Amino acid sequence: MRKLILSALAATLVASPLAVSAAEAAPLQQRQTTLVRDDGRGHTVVTQRTVSQAQHRGNWRKGERFDRRYASNYRQIDYRQYRGRHLYAPPRGYQWVQSGNDAVLIAVTSGLIGAVLSGALR
């Protein structure tokens, strides 16, 4: 009986790193987004949902957290070069970035999306 318990304990110790590595790989395929918005009556509404990487690619929404790992063709934009395409000077603490053909206004410190101009950088 003692040998059985010791062998089961040894098997558990050997298999535990494999289980941990599989658990660490799972968040790369799915992530949880938090949408914060005002409902117009002075209340803040917080919505959380799980989004897979394939669903999120190119579908940025105001209030979501911007993650540059999911942005295609990511780079910072100088708004002065794109004034004819409705880009305006970003407010203090914000910057324009490119994700594919979209211009996304993000908060520098928190990463929340302030505005999305779809197809502005074609």
PDB file of N, CA and C in Angstrom:
ATOM      1  N   MET A   1       0.829  -1.196   0.000  1.00  0.00           N
ATOM      2  CA  MET A   1       0.000   0.000   0.000  1.00  0.00           C
ATOM      3  C   MET A   1       0.867   1.251   0.000  1.00  0.00           C
ATOM      4  N   ARG A   2       1.957   1.181   0.755  1.00  0.00           N
ATOM      5  CA  ARG A   2       2.846   2.320   0.854  1.00  0.00           C
ATOM      6  C   ARG A   2       3.519   2.598  -0.500  1.00  0.00           C
ATOM      7  N   LYS A   3       3.921   1.550  -1.208  1.00  0.00           N
ATOM      8  CA  LYS A   3       4.540   1.719  -2.516  1.00  0.00           C
ATOM      9  C   LYS A   3       3.556   2.296  -3.525  1.00  0.00           C
ATOM     10  N   LEU A   4       2.302   1.918  -3.430  1.00  0.00           N
ATOM     11  CA  LEU A   4       1.274   2.434  -4.322  1.00  0.00           C
ATOM     12  C   LEU A   4       1.086   3.935  -4.117  1.00  0.00           C
ATOM     13  N   ILE A   5       1.039   4.385  -2.898  1.00  0.00           N
ATOM     14  CA  ILE A   5       0.865   5.809  -2.599  1.00  0.00           C
ATOM     15  C   ILE A   5       2.084   6.603  -3.068  1.00  0.00           C
ATOM     16  N   LEU A   6       3.286   6.069  -2.824  1.00  0.00           N
ATOM     17  CA  LEU A   6       4.497   6.760  -3.258  1.00  0.00           C
ATOM     18  C   LEU A   6       4.593   6.833  -4.784  1.00  0.00           C
ATOM     19  N   SER A   7       4.201   5.781  -5.474  1.00  0.00           N
ATOM     20  CA  SER A   7       4.235   5.822  -6.940  1.00  0.00           C
ATOM     21  C   SER A   7       3.195   6.791  -7.497  1.00  0.00           C
ATOM     22  N   ALA A   8       2.035   6.878  -6.874  1.00  0.00           N
ATOM     23  CA  ALA A   8       1.017   7.838  -7.311  1.00  0.00           C
ATOM     24  C   ALA A   8       1.493   9.266  -7.072  1.00  0.00           C
ATOM     25  N   LEU A   9       2.150   9.504  -5.951  1.00  0.00           N
ATOM     26  CA  LEU A   9       2.691  10.830  -5.657  1.00  0.00           C
ATOM     27  C   LEU A   9       3.791  11.200  -6.656  1.00  0.00           C
ATOM     28  N   ALA A  10       4.646  10.262  -6.988  1.00  0.00           N
ATOM     29  CA  ALA A  10       5.713  10.512  -7.962  1.00  0.00           C
ATOM     30  C   ALA A  10       5.129  10.802  -9.343  1.00  0.00           C
ATOM     31  N   ALA A  11       4.117  10.076  -9.746  1.00  0.00           N
ATOM     32  CA  ALA A  11       3.481  10.315 -11.047  1.00  0.00           C
ATOM     33  C   ALA A  11       2.836  11.695 -11.088  1.00  0.00           C
ATOM     34  N   THR A  12       2.266  12.115  -9.980  1.00  0.00           N
ATOM     35  CA  THR A  12       1.652  13.437  -9.905  1.00  0.00           C
ATOM     36  C   THR A  12       2.700  14.525 -10.046  1.00  0.00           C
ATOM     37  N   LEU A  13       3.838  14.360  -9.397  1.00  0.00           N
ATOM     38  CA  LEU A  13       4.904  15.359  -9.485  1.00  0.00           C
ATOM     39  C   LEU A  13       5.498  15.436 -10.884  1.00  0.00           C
ATOM     40  N   VAL A  14       5.557  14.321 -11.575  1.00  0.00           N
ATOM     41  CA  VAL A  14       6.088  14.313 -12.934  1.00  0.00           C
ATOM     42  C   VAL A  14       5.096  14.953 -13.904  1.00  0.00           C
ATOM     43  N   ALA A  15       3.809  14.721 -13.731  1.00  0.00           N
ATOM     44  CA  ALA A  15       2.792  15.213 -14.657  1.00  0.00           C
ATOM     45  C   ALA A  15       2.393  16.664 -14.402  1.00  0.00           C
ATOM     46  N   SER A  16       2.689  17.232 -13.241  1.00  0.00           N
ATOM     47  CA  SER A  16       2.236  18.585 -12.917  1.00  0.00           C
ATOM     48  C   SER A  16       2.843  19.660 -13.815  1.00  0.00           C
ATOM     49  N   PRO A  17       4.128  19.616 -14.218  1.00  0.00           N
ATOM     50  CA  PRO A  17       4.618  20.649 -15.144  1.00  0.00           C
ATOM     51  C   PRO A  17       3.915  20.625 -16.497  1.00  0.00           C
ATOM     52  N   LEU A  18       3.491  19.453 -16.957  1.00  0.00           N
ATOM     53  CA  LEU A  18       2.770  19.369 -18.223  1.00  0.00           C
ATOM     54  C   LEU A  18       1.414  20.041 -18.126  1.00  0.00           C
ATOM     55  N   ALA A  19       0.745  19.875 -17.010  1.00  0.00           N
ATOM     56  CA  ALA A  19      -0.565  20.495 -16.818  1.00  0.00           C
ATOM     57  C   ALA A  19      -0.434  22.005 -16.710  1.00  0.00           C
ATOM     58  N   VAL A  20       0.615  22.482 -16.054  1.00  0.00           N
ATOM     59  CA  VAL A  20       0.819  23.920 -15.912  1.00  0.00           C
ATOM     60  C   VAL A  20       1.132  24.552 -17.261  1.00  0.00           C
ATOM     61  N   SER A  21       1.952  23.920 -18.075  1.00  0.00           N
ATOM     62  CA  SER A  21       2.283  24.497 -19.381  1.00  0.00           C
ATOM     63  C   SER A  21       1.055  24.555 -20.289  1.00  0.00           C
ATOM     64  N   ALA A  22       0.169  23.585 -20.200  1.00  0.00           N
ATOM     65  CA  ALA A  22      -1.063  23.628 -20.991  1.00  0.00           C
ATOM     66  C   ALA A  22      -1.977  24.743 -20.497  1.00  0.00           C
ATOM     67  N   ALA A  23      -2.005  24.972 -19.188  1.00  0.00           N
ATOM     68  CA  ALA A  23      -2.849  26.035 -18.643  1.00  0.00           C
ATOM     69  C   ALA A  23      -2.305  27.414 -19.015  1.00  0.00           C
ATOM     70  N   GLU A  24      -0.983  27.544 -19.114  1.00  0.00           N
ATOM     71  CA  GLU A  24      -0.415  28.823 -19.506  1.00  0.00           C
ATOM     72  C   GLU A  24      -0.647  29.120 -20.982  1.00  0.00           C
ATOM     73  N   ALA A  25      -0.737  28.116 -21.808  1.00  0.00           N
ATOM     74  CA  ALA A  25      -0.931  28.317 -23.243  1.00  0.00           C
ATOM     75  C   ALA A  25      -2.370  28.711 -23.573  1.00  0.00           C
ATOM     76  N   ALA A  26      -3.325  28.354 -22.749  1.00  0.00           N
ATOM     77  CA  ALA A  26      -4.738  28.624 -23.031  1.00  0.00           C
ATOM     78  C   ALA A  26      -5.069  30.110 -23.119  1.00  0.00           C
ATOM     79  N   PRO A  27      -4.553  31.021 -22.254  1.00  0.00           N
ATOM     80  CA  PRO A  27      -4.942  32.422 -22.370  1.00  0.00           C
ATOM     81  C   PRO A  27      -4.494  33.084 -23.670  1.00  0.00           C
ATOM     82  N   LEU A  28      -3.538  32.523 -24.381  1.00  0.00           N
ATOM     83  CA  LEU A  28      -3.121  33.118 -25.634  1.00  0.00           C
ATOM     84  C   LEU A  28      -4.186  32.946 -26.713  1.00  0.00           C
ATOM     85  N   GLN A  29      -5.012  31.922 -26.591  1.00  0.00           N
ATOM     86  CA  GLN A  29      -6.038  31.681 -27.587  1.00  0.00           C
ATOM     87  C   GLN A  29      -7.330  32.422 -27.264  1.00  0.00           C
ATOM     88  N   GLN A  30      -7.626  32.611 -25.989  1.00  0.00           N
ATOM     89  CA  GLN A  30      -8.809  33.350 -25.578  1.00  0.00           C
ATOM     90  C   GLN A  30      -8.420  34.381 -24.542  1.00  0.00           C
ATOM     91  N   ARG A  31      -9.125  35.498 -24.563  1.00  0.00           N
ATOM     92  CA  ARG A  31      -8.876  36.515 -23.561  1.00  0.00           C
ATOM     93  C   ARG A  31     -10.187  37.174 -23.191  1.00  0.00           C
ATOM     94  N   GLN A  32     -10.205  37.772 -22.027  1.00  0.00           N
ATOM     95  CA  GLN A  32     -11.420  38.414 -21.555  1.00  0.00           C
ATOM     96  C   GLN A  32     -11.291  39.913 -21.757  1.00  0.00           C
ATOM     97  N   THR A  33     -12.279  40.530 -22.414  1.00  0.00           N
ATOM     98  CA  THR A  33     -12.260  41.973 -22.614  1.00  0.00           C
ATOM     99  C   THR A  33     -13.277  42.617 -21.691  1.00  0.00           C
ATOM    100  N   THR A  34     -12.960  43.824 -21.282  1.00  0.00           N
ATOM    101  CA  THR A  34     -13.837  44.594 -20.420  1.00  0.00           C
ATOM    102  C   THR A  34     -14.264  45.841 -21.174  1.00  0.00           C
ATOM    103  N   LEU A  35     -15.556  46.050 -21.312  1.00  0.00           N
ATOM    104  CA  LEU A  35     -16.102  47.213 -21.992  1.00  0.00           C
ATOM    105  C   LEU A  35     -16.708  48.131 -20.940  1.00  0.00           C
ATOM    106  N   VAL A  36     -16.196  49.361 -20.847  1.00  0.00           N
ATOM    107  CA  VAL A  36     -16.691  50.334 -19.875  1.00  0.00           C
ATOM    108  C   VAL A  36     -17.351  51.454 -20.649  1.00  0.00           C
ATOM    109  N   ARG A  37     -18.618  51.744 -20.331  1.00  0.00           N
ATOM    110  CA  ARG A  37     -19.317  52.809 -21.041  1.00  0.00           C
ATOM    111  C   ARG A  37     -20.306  53.488 -20.111  1.00  0.00           C
ATOM    112  N   ASP A  38     -20.790  54.641 -20.535  1.00  0.00           N
ATOM    113  CA  ASP A  38     -21.778  55.403 -19.787  1.00  0.00           C
ATOM    114  C   ASP A  38     -23.131  55.185 -20.452  1.00  0.00           C
ATOM    115  N   ASP A  39     -24.162  54.893 -19.669  1.00  0.00           N
ATOM    116  CA  ASP A  39     -25.464  54.595 -20.262  1.00  0.00           C
ATOM    117  C   ASP A  39     -26.313  55.836 -20.520  1.00  0.00           C
ATOM    118  N   GLY A  40     -25.780  57.034 -20.265  1.00  0.00           N
ATOM    119  CA  GLY A  40     -26.519  58.260 -20.544  1.00  0.00           C
ATOM    120  C   GLY A  40     -27.305  58.784 -19.368  1.00  0.00           C
ATOM    121  N   ARG A  41     -27.449  57.995 -18.324  1.00  0.00           N
ATOM    122  CA  ARG A  41     -28.184  58.415 -17.132  1.00  0.00           C
ATOM    123  C   ARG A  41     -27.244  58.600 -15.941  1.00  0.00           C
ATOM    124  N   GLY A  42     -25.944  58.695 -16.238  1.00  0.00           N
ATOM    125  CA  GLY A  42     -24.983  58.895 -15.165  1.00  0.00           C
ATOM    126  C   GLY A  42     -24.485  57.605 -14.535  1.00  0.00           C
ATOM    127  N   HIS A  43     -24.816  56.462 -15.127  1.00  0.00           N
ATOM    128  CA  HIS A  43     -24.367  55.175 -14.606  1.00  0.00           C
ATOM    129  C   HIS A  43     -23.272  54.609 -15.499  1.00  0.00           C
ATOM    130  N   THR A  44     -22.308  53.986 -14.882  1.00  0.00           N
ATOM    131  CA  THR A  44     -21.247  53.328 -15.626  1.00  0.00           C
ATOM    132  C   THR A  44     -21.590  51.856 -15.762  1.00  0.00           C
ATOM    133  N   VAL A  45     -21.545  51.349 -16.986  1.00  0.00           N
ATOM    134  CA  VAL A  45     -21.867  49.957 -17.272  1.00  0.00           C
ATOM    135  C   VAL A  45     -20.569  49.238 -17.638  1.00  0.00           C
ATOM    136  N   VAL A  46     -20.291  48.156 -16.951  1.00  0.00           N
ATOM    137  CA  VAL A  46     -19.098  47.362 -17.210  1.00  0.00           C
ATOM    138  C   VAL A  46     -19.551  46.005 -17.730  1.00  0.00           C
ATOM    139  N   THR A  47     -19.097  45.659 -18.936  1.00  0.00           N
ATOM    140  CA  THR A  47     -19.442  44.383 -19.557  1.00  0.00           C
ATOM    141  C   THR A  47     -18.159  43.606 -19.776  1.00  0.00           C
ATOM    142  N   GLN A  48     -18.143  42.351 -19.341  1.00  0.00           N
ATOM    143  CA  GLN A  48     -16.978  41.505 -19.563  1.00  0.00           C
ATOM    144  C   GLN A  48     -17.389  40.357 -20.470  1.00  0.00           C
ATOM    145  N   ARG A  49     -16.498  40.035 -21.427  1.00  0.00           N
ATOM    146  CA  ARG A  49     -16.777  38.919 -22.319  1.00  0.00           C
ATOM    147  C   ARG A  49     -15.457  38.276 -22.726  1.00  0.00           C
ATOM    148  N   THR A  50     -15.542  37.035 -23.118  1.00  0.00           N
ATOM    149  CA  THR A  50     -14.370  36.292 -23.559  1.00  0.00           C
ATOM    150  C   THR A  50     -14.323  36.310 -25.079  1.00  0.00           C
ATOM    151  N   VAL A  51     -13.179  36.682 -25.616  1.00  0.00           N
ATOM    152  CA  VAL A  51     -13.016  36.816 -27.052  1.00  0.00           C
ATOM    153  C   VAL A  51     -11.804  36.002 -27.465  1.00  0.00           C
ATOM    154  N   SER A  52     -11.954  35.222 -28.516  1.00  0.00           N
ATOM    155  CA  SER A  52     -10.795  34.496 -29.022  1.00  0.00           C
ATOM    156  C   SER A  52      -9.997  35.416 -29.938  1.00  0.00           C
ATOM    157  N   GLN A  53      -8.755  35.093 -30.171  1.00  0.00           N
ATOM    158  CA  GLN A  53      -7.894  35.929 -30.987  1.00  0.00           C
ATOM    159  C   GLN A  53      -8.430  36.046 -32.413  1.00  0.00           C
ATOM    160  N   ALA A  54      -8.961  34.976 -32.962  1.00  0.00           N
ATOM    161  CA  ALA A  54      -9.474  35.005 -34.335  1.00  0.00           C
ATOM    162  C   ALA A  54     -10.698  35.912 -34.441  1.00  0.00           C
ATOM    163  N   GLN A  55     -11.555  35.954 -33.412  1.00  0.00           N
ATOM    164  CA  GLN A  55     -12.727  36.819 -33.445  1.00  0.00           C
ATOM    165  C   GLN A  55     -12.334  38.281 -33.332  1.00  0.00           C
ATOM    166  N   HIS A  56     -11.289  38.581 -32.559  1.00  0.00           N
ATOM    167  CA  HIS A  56     -10.977  39.967 -32.245  1.00  0.00           C
ATOM    168  C   HIS A  56     -10.201  40.672 -33.344  1.00  0.00           C
ATOM    169  N   ARG A  57      -9.537  39.973 -34.188  1.00  0.00           N
ATOM    170  CA  ARG A  57      -8.644  40.588 -35.163  1.00  0.00           C
ATOM    171  C   ARG A  57      -9.381  41.614 -36.023  1.00  0.00           C
ATOM    172  N   GLY A  58      -9.032  42.893 -35.841  1.00  0.00           N
ATOM    173  CA  GLY A  58      -9.580  43.958 -36.660  1.00  0.00           C
ATOM    174  C   GLY A  58     -10.927  44.486 -36.228  1.00  0.00           C
ATOM    175  N   ASN A  59     -11.456  44.052 -35.116  1.00  0.00           N
ATOM    176  CA  ASN A  59     -12.760  44.520 -34.652  1.00  0.00           C
ATOM    177  C   ASN A  59     -12.595  45.326 -33.368  1.00  0.00           C
ATOM    178  N   TRP A  60     -11.998  46.502 -33.465  1.00  0.00           N
ATOM    179  CA  TRP A  60     -11.791  47.335 -32.281  1.00  0.00           C
ATOM    180  C   TRP A  60     -13.048  48.125 -31.984  1.00  0.00           C
ATOM    181  N   ARG A  61     -13.352  48.292 -30.711  1.00  0.00           N
ATOM    182  CA  ARG A  61     -14.534  49.049 -30.278  1.00  0.00           C
ATOM    183  C   ARG A  61     -14.148  50.034 -29.190  1.00  0.00           C
ATOM    184  N   LYS A  62     -14.816  51.153 -29.173  1.00  0.00           N
ATOM    185  CA  LYS A  62     -14.565  52.175 -28.159  1.00  0.00           C
ATOM    186  C   LYS A  62     -14.874  51.598 -26.776  1.00  0.00           C
ATOM    187  N   GLY A  63     -13.980  51.841 -25.829  1.00  0.00           N
ATOM    188  CA  GLY A  63     -14.166  51.362 -24.461  1.00  0.00           C
ATOM    189  C   GLY A  63     -13.440  50.069 -24.158  1.00  0.00           C
ATOM    190  N   GLU A  64     -13.031  49.326 -25.193  1.00  0.00           N
ATOM    191  CA  GLU A  64     -12.268  48.095 -24.968  1.00  0.00           C
ATOM    192  C   GLU A  64     -10.822  48.440 -24.661  1.00  0.00           C
ATOM    193  N   ARG A  65     -10.106  47.472 -24.146  1.00  0.00           N
ATOM    194  CA  ARG A  65      -8.683  47.644 -23.890  1.00  0.00           C
ATOM    195  C   ARG A  65      -7.921  47.212 -25.137  1.00  0.00           C
ATOM    196  N   PHE A  66      -7.025  48.086 -25.607  1.00  0.00           N
ATOM    197  CA  PHE A  66      -6.246  47.816 -26.813  1.00  0.00           C
ATOM    198  C   PHE A  66      -5.051  46.950 -26.459  1.00  0.00           C
ATOM    199  N   ASP A  67      -4.880  45.867 -27.194  1.00  0.00           N
ATOM    200  CA  ASP A  67      -3.744  44.977 -26.999  1.00  0.00           C
ATOM    201  C   ASP A  67      -3.020  44.867 -28.329  1.00  0.00           C
ATOM    202  N   ARG A  68      -1.803  45.372 -28.384  1.00  0.00           N
ATOM    203  CA  ARG A  68      -1.109  45.437 -29.664  1.00  0.00           C
ATOM    204  C   ARG A  68      -0.696  44.082 -30.206  1.00  0.00           C
ATOM    205  N   ARG A  69      -0.777  43.023 -29.399  1.00  0.00           N
ATOM    206  CA  ARG A  69      -0.499  41.683 -29.912  1.00  0.00           C
ATOM    207  C   ARG A  69      -1.522  41.274 -30.956  1.00  0.00           C
ATOM    208  N   TYR A  70      -2.740  41.815 -30.876  1.00  0.00           N
ATOM    209  CA  TYR A  70      -3.805  41.456 -31.805  1.00  0.00           C
ATOM    210  C   TYR A  70      -3.926  42.458 -32.951  1.00  0.00           C
ATOM    211  N   ALA A  71      -3.083  43.476 -32.975  1.00  0.00           N
ATOM    212  CA  ALA A  71      -3.147  44.496 -34.021  1.00  0.00           C
ATOM    213  C   ALA A  71      -2.255  44.081 -35.179  1.00  0.00           C
ATOM    214  N   SER A  72      -2.799  44.128 -36.371  1.00  0.00           N
ATOM    215  CA  SER A  72      -1.979  43.854 -37.541  1.00  0.00           C
ATOM    216  C   SER A  72      -1.394  45.178 -38.031  1.00  0.00           C
ATOM    217  N   ASN A  73      -0.120  45.157 -38.419  1.00  0.00           N
ATOM    218  CA  ASN A  73       0.561  46.343 -38.926  1.00  0.00           C
ATOM    219  C   ASN A  73       0.550  47.467 -37.886  1.00  0.00           C
ATOM    220  N   TYR A  74       0.895  47.155 -36.637  1.00  0.00           N
ATOM    221  CA  TYR A  74       0.863  48.133 -35.550  1.00  0.00           C
ATOM    222  C   TYR A  74       1.994  49.142 -35.682  1.00  0.00           C
ATOM    223  N   ARG A  75       1.661  50.429 -35.529  1.00  0.00           N
ATOM    224  CA  ARG A  75       2.657  51.487 -35.430  1.00  0.00           C
ATOM    225  C   ARG A  75       1.976  52.744 -34.915  1.00  0.00           C
ATOM    226  N   GLN A  76       2.763  53.641 -34.334  1.00  0.00           N
ATOM    227  CA  GLN A  76       2.221  54.921 -33.898  1.00  0.00           C
ATOM    228  C   GLN A  76       2.080  55.837 -35.097  1.00  0.00           C
ATOM    229  N   ILE A  77       1.060  56.699 -35.053  1.00  0.00           N
ATOM    230  CA  ILE A  77       0.746  57.569 -36.188  1.00  0.00           C
ATOM    231  C   ILE A  77       0.946  59.026 -35.780  1.00  0.00           C
ATOM    232  N   ASP A  78       1.540  59.814 -36.677  1.00  0.00           N
ATOM    233  CA  ASP A  78       1.579  61.260 -36.512  1.00  0.00           C
ATOM    234  C   ASP A  78       0.325  61.811 -37.186  1.00  0.00           C
ATOM    235  N   TYR A  79      -0.587  62.341 -36.408  1.00  0.00           N
ATOM    236  CA  TYR A  79      -1.892  62.748 -36.938  1.00  0.00           C
ATOM    237  C   TYR A  79      -1.765  63.852 -37.988  1.00  0.00           C
ATOM    238  N   ARG A  80      -0.687  64.645 -37.959  1.00  0.00           N
ATOM    239  CA  ARG A  80      -0.531  65.749 -38.909  1.00  0.00           C
ATOM    240  C   ARG A  80      -0.422  65.249 -40.353  1.00  0.00           C
ATOM    241  N   GLN A  81       0.076  64.044 -40.526  1.00  0.00           N
ATOM    242  CA  GLN A  81       0.215  63.491 -41.869  1.00  0.00           C
ATOM    243  C   GLN A  81      -1.121  63.014 -42.439  1.00  0.00           C
ATOM    244  N   TYR A  82      -2.135  62.830 -41.598  1.00  0.00           N
ATOM    245  CA  TYR A  82      -3.419  62.265 -42.034  1.00  0.00           C
ATOM    246  C   TYR A  82      -4.588  63.201 -41.726  1.00  0.00           C
ATOM    247  N   ARG A  83      -4.373  64.492 -41.705  1.00  0.00           N
ATOM    248  CA  ARG A  83      -5.462  65.428 -41.396  1.00  0.00           C
ATOM    249  C   ARG A  83      -6.594  65.356 -42.409  1.00  0.00           C
ATOM    250  N   GLY A  84      -6.295  65.075 -43.651  1.00  0.00           N
ATOM    251  CA  GLY A  84      -7.328  64.971 -44.682  1.00  0.00           C
ATOM    252  C   GLY A  84      -8.199  63.732 -44.511  1.00  0.00           C
ATOM    253  N   ARG A  85      -7.818  62.845 -43.629  1.00  0.00           N
ATOM    254  CA  ARG A  85      -8.580  61.604 -43.397  1.00  0.00           C
ATOM    255  C   ARG A  85      -9.264  61.610 -42.038  1.00  0.00           C
ATOM    256  N   HIS A  86      -9.587  62.789 -41.550  1.00  0.00           N
ATOM    257  CA  HIS A  86     -10.370  62.997 -40.332  1.00  0.00           C
ATOM    258  C   HIS A  86      -9.626  62.670 -39.046  1.00  0.00           C
ATOM    259  N   LEU A  87      -8.300  62.560 -39.077  1.00  0.00           N
ATOM    260  CA  LEU A  87      -7.551  62.407 -37.841  1.00  0.00           C
ATOM    261  C   LEU A  87      -7.349  63.788 -37.236  1.00  0.00           C
ATOM    262  N   TYR A  88      -7.532  63.895 -35.948  1.00  0.00           N
ATOM    263  CA  TYR A  88      -7.409  65.157 -35.240  1.00  0.00           C
ATOM    264  C   TYR A  88      -6.353  65.013 -34.152  1.00  0.00           C
ATOM    265  N   ALA A  89      -5.967  66.127 -33.584  1.00  0.00           N
ATOM    266  CA  ALA A  89      -4.950  66.103 -32.533  1.00  0.00           C
ATOM    267  C   ALA A  89      -5.484  65.301 -31.344  1.00  0.00           C
ATOM    268  N   PRO A  90      -4.720  64.336 -30.855  1.00  0.00           N
ATOM    269  CA  PRO A  90      -5.208  63.531 -29.736  1.00  0.00           C
ATOM    270  C   PRO A  90      -5.226  64.350 -28.446  1.00  0.00           C
ATOM    271  N   PRO A  91      -6.193  64.107 -27.579  1.00  0.00           N
ATOM    272  CA  PRO A  91      -6.206  64.788 -26.281  1.00  0.00           C
ATOM    273  C   PRO A  91      -4.971  64.401 -25.468  1.00  0.00           C
ATOM    274  N   ARG A  92      -4.709  65.142 -24.420  1.00  0.00           N
ATOM    275  CA  ARG A  92      -3.564  64.842 -23.566  1.00  0.00           C
ATOM    276  C   ARG A  92      -3.709  63.437 -22.975  1.00  0.00           C
ATOM    277  N   GLY A  93      -2.655  62.647 -23.088  1.00  0.00           N
ATOM    278  CA  GLY A  93      -2.674  61.294 -22.556  1.00  0.00           C
ATOM    279  C   GLY A  93      -3.133  60.239 -23.547  1.00  0.00           C
ATOM    280  N   TYR A  94      -3.419  60.637 -24.777  1.00  0.00           N
ATOM    281  CA  TYR A  94      -3.856  59.707 -25.821  1.00  0.00           C
ATOM    282  C   TYR A  94      -2.878  59.747 -26.990  1.00  0.00           C
ATOM    283  N   GLN A  95      -2.911  58.725 -27.813  1.00  0.00           N
ATOM    284  CA  GLN A  95      -2.109  58.688 -29.037  1.00  0.00           C
ATOM    285  C   GLN A  95      -2.847  57.884 -30.099  1.00  0.00           C
ATOM    286  N   TRP A  96      -2.568  58.211 -31.355  1.00  0.00           N
ATOM    287  CA  TRP A  96      -3.120  57.467 -32.478  1.00  0.00           C
ATOM    288  C   TRP A  96      -2.174  56.336 -32.828  1.00  0.00           C
ATOM    289  N   VAL A  97      -2.731  55.148 -33.067  1.00  0.00           N
ATOM    290  CA  VAL A  97      -1.945  54.009 -33.537  1.00  0.00           C
ATOM    291  C   VAL A  97      -2.663  53.396 -34.736  1.00  0.00           C
ATOM    292  N   GLN A  98      -1.901  52.667 -35.536  1.00  0.00           N
ATOM    293  CA  GLN A  98      -2.462  51.993 -36.698  1.00  0.00           C
ATOM    294  C   GLN A  98      -2.620  50.520 -36.407  1.00  0.00           C
ATOM    295  N   SER A  99      -3.756  49.969 -36.795  1.00  0.00           N
ATOM    296  CA  SER A  99      -4.009  48.539 -36.736  1.00  0.00           C
ATOM    297  C   SER A  99      -4.656  48.154 -38.057  1.00  0.00           C
ATOM    298  N   GLY A 100      -3.869  47.612 -38.961  1.00  0.00           N
ATOM    299  CA  GLY A 100      -4.380  47.324 -40.301  1.00  0.00           C
ATOM    300  C   GLY A 100      -4.640  48.622 -41.027  1.00  0.00           C
ATOM    301  N   ASN A 101      -5.867  48.829 -41.501  1.00  0.00           N
ATOM    302  CA  ASN A 101      -6.256  50.078 -42.156  1.00  0.00           C
ATOM    303  C   ASN A 101      -6.985  51.020 -41.220  1.00  0.00           C
ATOM    304  N   ASP A 102      -7.079  50.662 -39.945  1.00  0.00           N
ATOM    305  CA  ASP A 102      -7.815  51.458 -38.972  1.00  0.00           C
ATOM    306  C   ASP A 102      -6.880  52.357 -38.178  1.00  0.00           C
ATOM    307  N   ALA A 103      -7.374  53.536 -37.823  1.00  0.00           N
ATOM    308  CA  ALA A 103      -6.680  54.424 -36.903  1.00  0.00           C
ATOM    309  C   ALA A 103      -7.396  54.312 -35.562  1.00  0.00           C
ATOM    310  N   VAL A 104      -6.653  53.994 -34.505  1.00  0.00           N
ATOM    311  CA  VAL A 104      -7.239  53.756 -33.187  1.00  0.00           C
ATOM    312  C   VAL A 104      -6.636  54.749 -32.210  1.00  0.00           C
ATOM    313  N   LEU A 105      -7.493  55.487 -31.500  1.00  0.00           N
ATOM    314  CA  LEU A 105      -7.062  56.438 -30.480  1.00  0.00           C
ATOM    315  C   LEU A 105      -7.057  55.712 -29.145  1.00  0.00           C
ATOM    316  N   ILE A 106      -5.880  55.572 -28.530  1.00  0.00           N
ATOM    317  CA  ILE A 106      -5.788  54.821 -27.275  1.00  0.00           C
ATOM    318  C   ILE A 106      -5.211  55.697 -26.171  1.00  0.00           C
ATOM    319  N   ALA A 107      -5.628  55.414 -24.941  1.00  0.00           N
ATOM    320  CA  ALA A 107      -5.057  56.073 -23.772  1.00  0.00           C
ATOM    321  C   ALA A 107      -3.692  55.457 -23.507  1.00  0.00           C
ATOM    322  N   VAL A 108      -2.690  56.300 -23.288  1.00  0.00           N
ATOM    323  CA  VAL A 108      -1.327  55.812 -23.130  1.00  0.00           C
ATOM    324  C   VAL A 108      -1.180  54.980 -21.867  1.00  0.00           C
ATOM    325  N   THR A 109      -1.752  55.412 -20.761  1.00  0.00           N
ATOM    326  CA  THR A 109      -1.536  54.714 -19.491  1.00  0.00           C
ATOM    327  C   THR A 109      -2.405  53.481 -19.316  1.00  0.00           C
ATOM    328  N   SER A 110      -3.670  53.557 -19.702  1.00  0.00           N
ATOM    329  CA  SER A 110      -4.576  52.436 -19.434  1.00  0.00           C
ATOM    330  C   SER A 110      -4.785  51.531 -20.642  1.00  0.00           C
ATOM    331  N   GLY A 111      -4.568  52.025 -21.853  1.00  0.00           N
ATOM    332  CA  GLY A 111      -4.773  51.226 -23.048  1.00  0.00           C
ATOM    333  C   GLY A 111      -6.214  51.178 -23.514  1.00  0.00           C
ATOM    334  N   LEU A 112      -7.115  51.967 -22.915  1.00  0.00           N
ATOM    335  CA  LEU A 112      -8.511  51.980 -23.357  1.00  0.00           C
ATOM    336  C   LEU A 112      -8.638  52.717 -24.680  1.00  0.00           C
ATOM    337  N   ILE A 113      -9.541  52.243 -25.515  1.00  0.00           N
ATOM    338  CA  ILE A 113      -9.758  52.825 -26.825  1.00  0.00           C
ATOM    339  C   ILE A 113     -10.736  53.986 -26.710  1.00  0.00           C
ATOM    340  N   GLY A 114     -10.314  55.146 -27.226  1.00  0.00           N
ATOM    341  CA  GLY A 114     -11.165  56.330 -27.186  1.00  0.00           C
ATOM    342  C   GLY A 114     -11.948  56.539 -28.463  1.00  0.00           C
ATOM    343  N   ALA A 115     -11.387  56.130 -29.611  1.00  0.00           N
ATOM    344  CA  ALA A 115     -12.070  56.295 -30.897  1.00  0.00           C
ATOM    345  C   ALA A 115     -11.452  55.319 -31.897  1.00  0.00           C
ATOM    346  N   VAL A 116     -12.258  54.934 -32.883  1.00  0.00           N
ATOM    347  CA  VAL A 116     -11.787  54.072 -33.959  1.00  0.00           C
ATOM    348  C   VAL A 116     -12.254  54.675 -35.270  1.00  0.00           C
ATOM    349  N   LEU A 117     -11.325  54.911 -36.188  1.00  0.00           N
ATOM    350  CA  LEU A 117     -11.659  55.367 -37.532  1.00  0.00           C
ATOM    351  C   LEU A 117     -11.337  54.232 -38.493  1.00  0.00           C
ATOM    352  N   SER A 118     -12.368  53.519 -38.898  1.00  0.00           N
ATOM    353  CA  SER A 118     -12.177  52.354 -39.762  1.00  0.00           C
ATOM    354  C   SER A 118     -11.835  52.778 -41.178  1.00  0.00           C
ATOM    355  N   GLY A 119     -10.828  52.154 -41.751  1.00  0.00           N
ATOM    356  CA  GLY A 119     -10.432  52.413 -43.124  1.00  0.00           C
ATOM    357  C   GLY A 119      -9.806  53.767 -43.361  1.00  0.00           C
ATOM    358  N   ALA A 120      -9.330  54.442 -42.328  1.00  0.00           N
ATOM    359  CA  ALA A 120      -8.763  55.778 -42.484  1.00  0.00           C
ATOM    360  C   ALA A 120      -7.385  55.777 -43.106  1.00  0.00           C
ATOM    361  N   LEU A 121      -6.690  54.663 -43.084  1.00  0.00           N
ATOM    362  CA  LEU A 121      -5.298  54.635 -43.540  1.00  0.00           C
ATOM    363  C   LEU A 121      -5.105  53.774 -44.768  1.00  0.00           C
ATOM    364  N   ARG A 122      -6.005  53.776 -45.678  1.00  0.00           N
ATOM    365  CA  ARG A 122      -5.881  52.964 -46.902  1.00  0.00           C
ATOM    366  C   ARG A 122      -4.894  53.570 -47.842  1.00  0.00           C
TER     367      ARG A 122
END
